[in-house]
Amino acid sequence: MVAFQGSLFAAPGGRYARVAMNTPVRREFSYHIPKHAEPVEPGCRVKVTFGRRPIIGVVVAIDDAPPSGVEVERIKDIDSCLDVTPLVTPALLRLSRTVADNAYCSWGQALAAMLPAALRHDRTRRTIPTVELIYSPAAEEMQSLEAKFPKQAKAVAYLQQAGGPMEVREFCNRTGLSKSPLTTLNKKEWVKFDKKADVLNPFAAVEL
């Protein structure tokens, strides 16, 4: 770990990352990128050791050499990269830098203000309930179901069109049905419930 101040973006594809952290220190810190942490790009969150404590920071630039005059042995490794693809876009990196300069705070503090608490503390994954049709009823069964339990029949027909698992919330929103018909169909072993992991990205729809 080495304190560093420099330009916004350096040459890509290097082996050292400049990391902005949520601390009052108005500097970025240089860390070595080990192979196990790759790929690391500007905008990715990384877990590093700052002093003696673990902390999450945002990579703001990649360098192909350590800071001038600094011994390589003094630079710590990044512990892990938390994002497969950059979470913070180049436009948001520039915006946060402008905010930091105008508000007299560190770049890391400006970035932290943009991130939900879950992303500042590596709680980026959630599980989403899904439902899938696992039994294909014959035409006679569907006719009987439509006559006796029209909501269940509507649920089966929609899941047949879906052709695979879908989120329970999306199913309810699109069909206007509650979860109750699905619960009954699950007891009949016509559908199965499951969960899928999802990665939170609050900037997925942001365009700057």
Foldseek 3Di string as FASTA:
>chain_A
DAWDDDDQEDDPPAFKFFWFAQDQPQTTGIAGEDPQAPPADAQWWFWAQDPNRIFITGTRYHDNDDPPPDDPVVHHHTPHILDPDHLADNVNLVVLVVVCVVVVGHSNNSVVVVDDPCVRVVVFKDKFKKKAFDDDDDPVVLVVCCVPPVVLSLLLVVRVVVVTIDGQVVSCVVSVDHCVSVVVCVVVVRMDMDIDMDGDRPCPPPDD
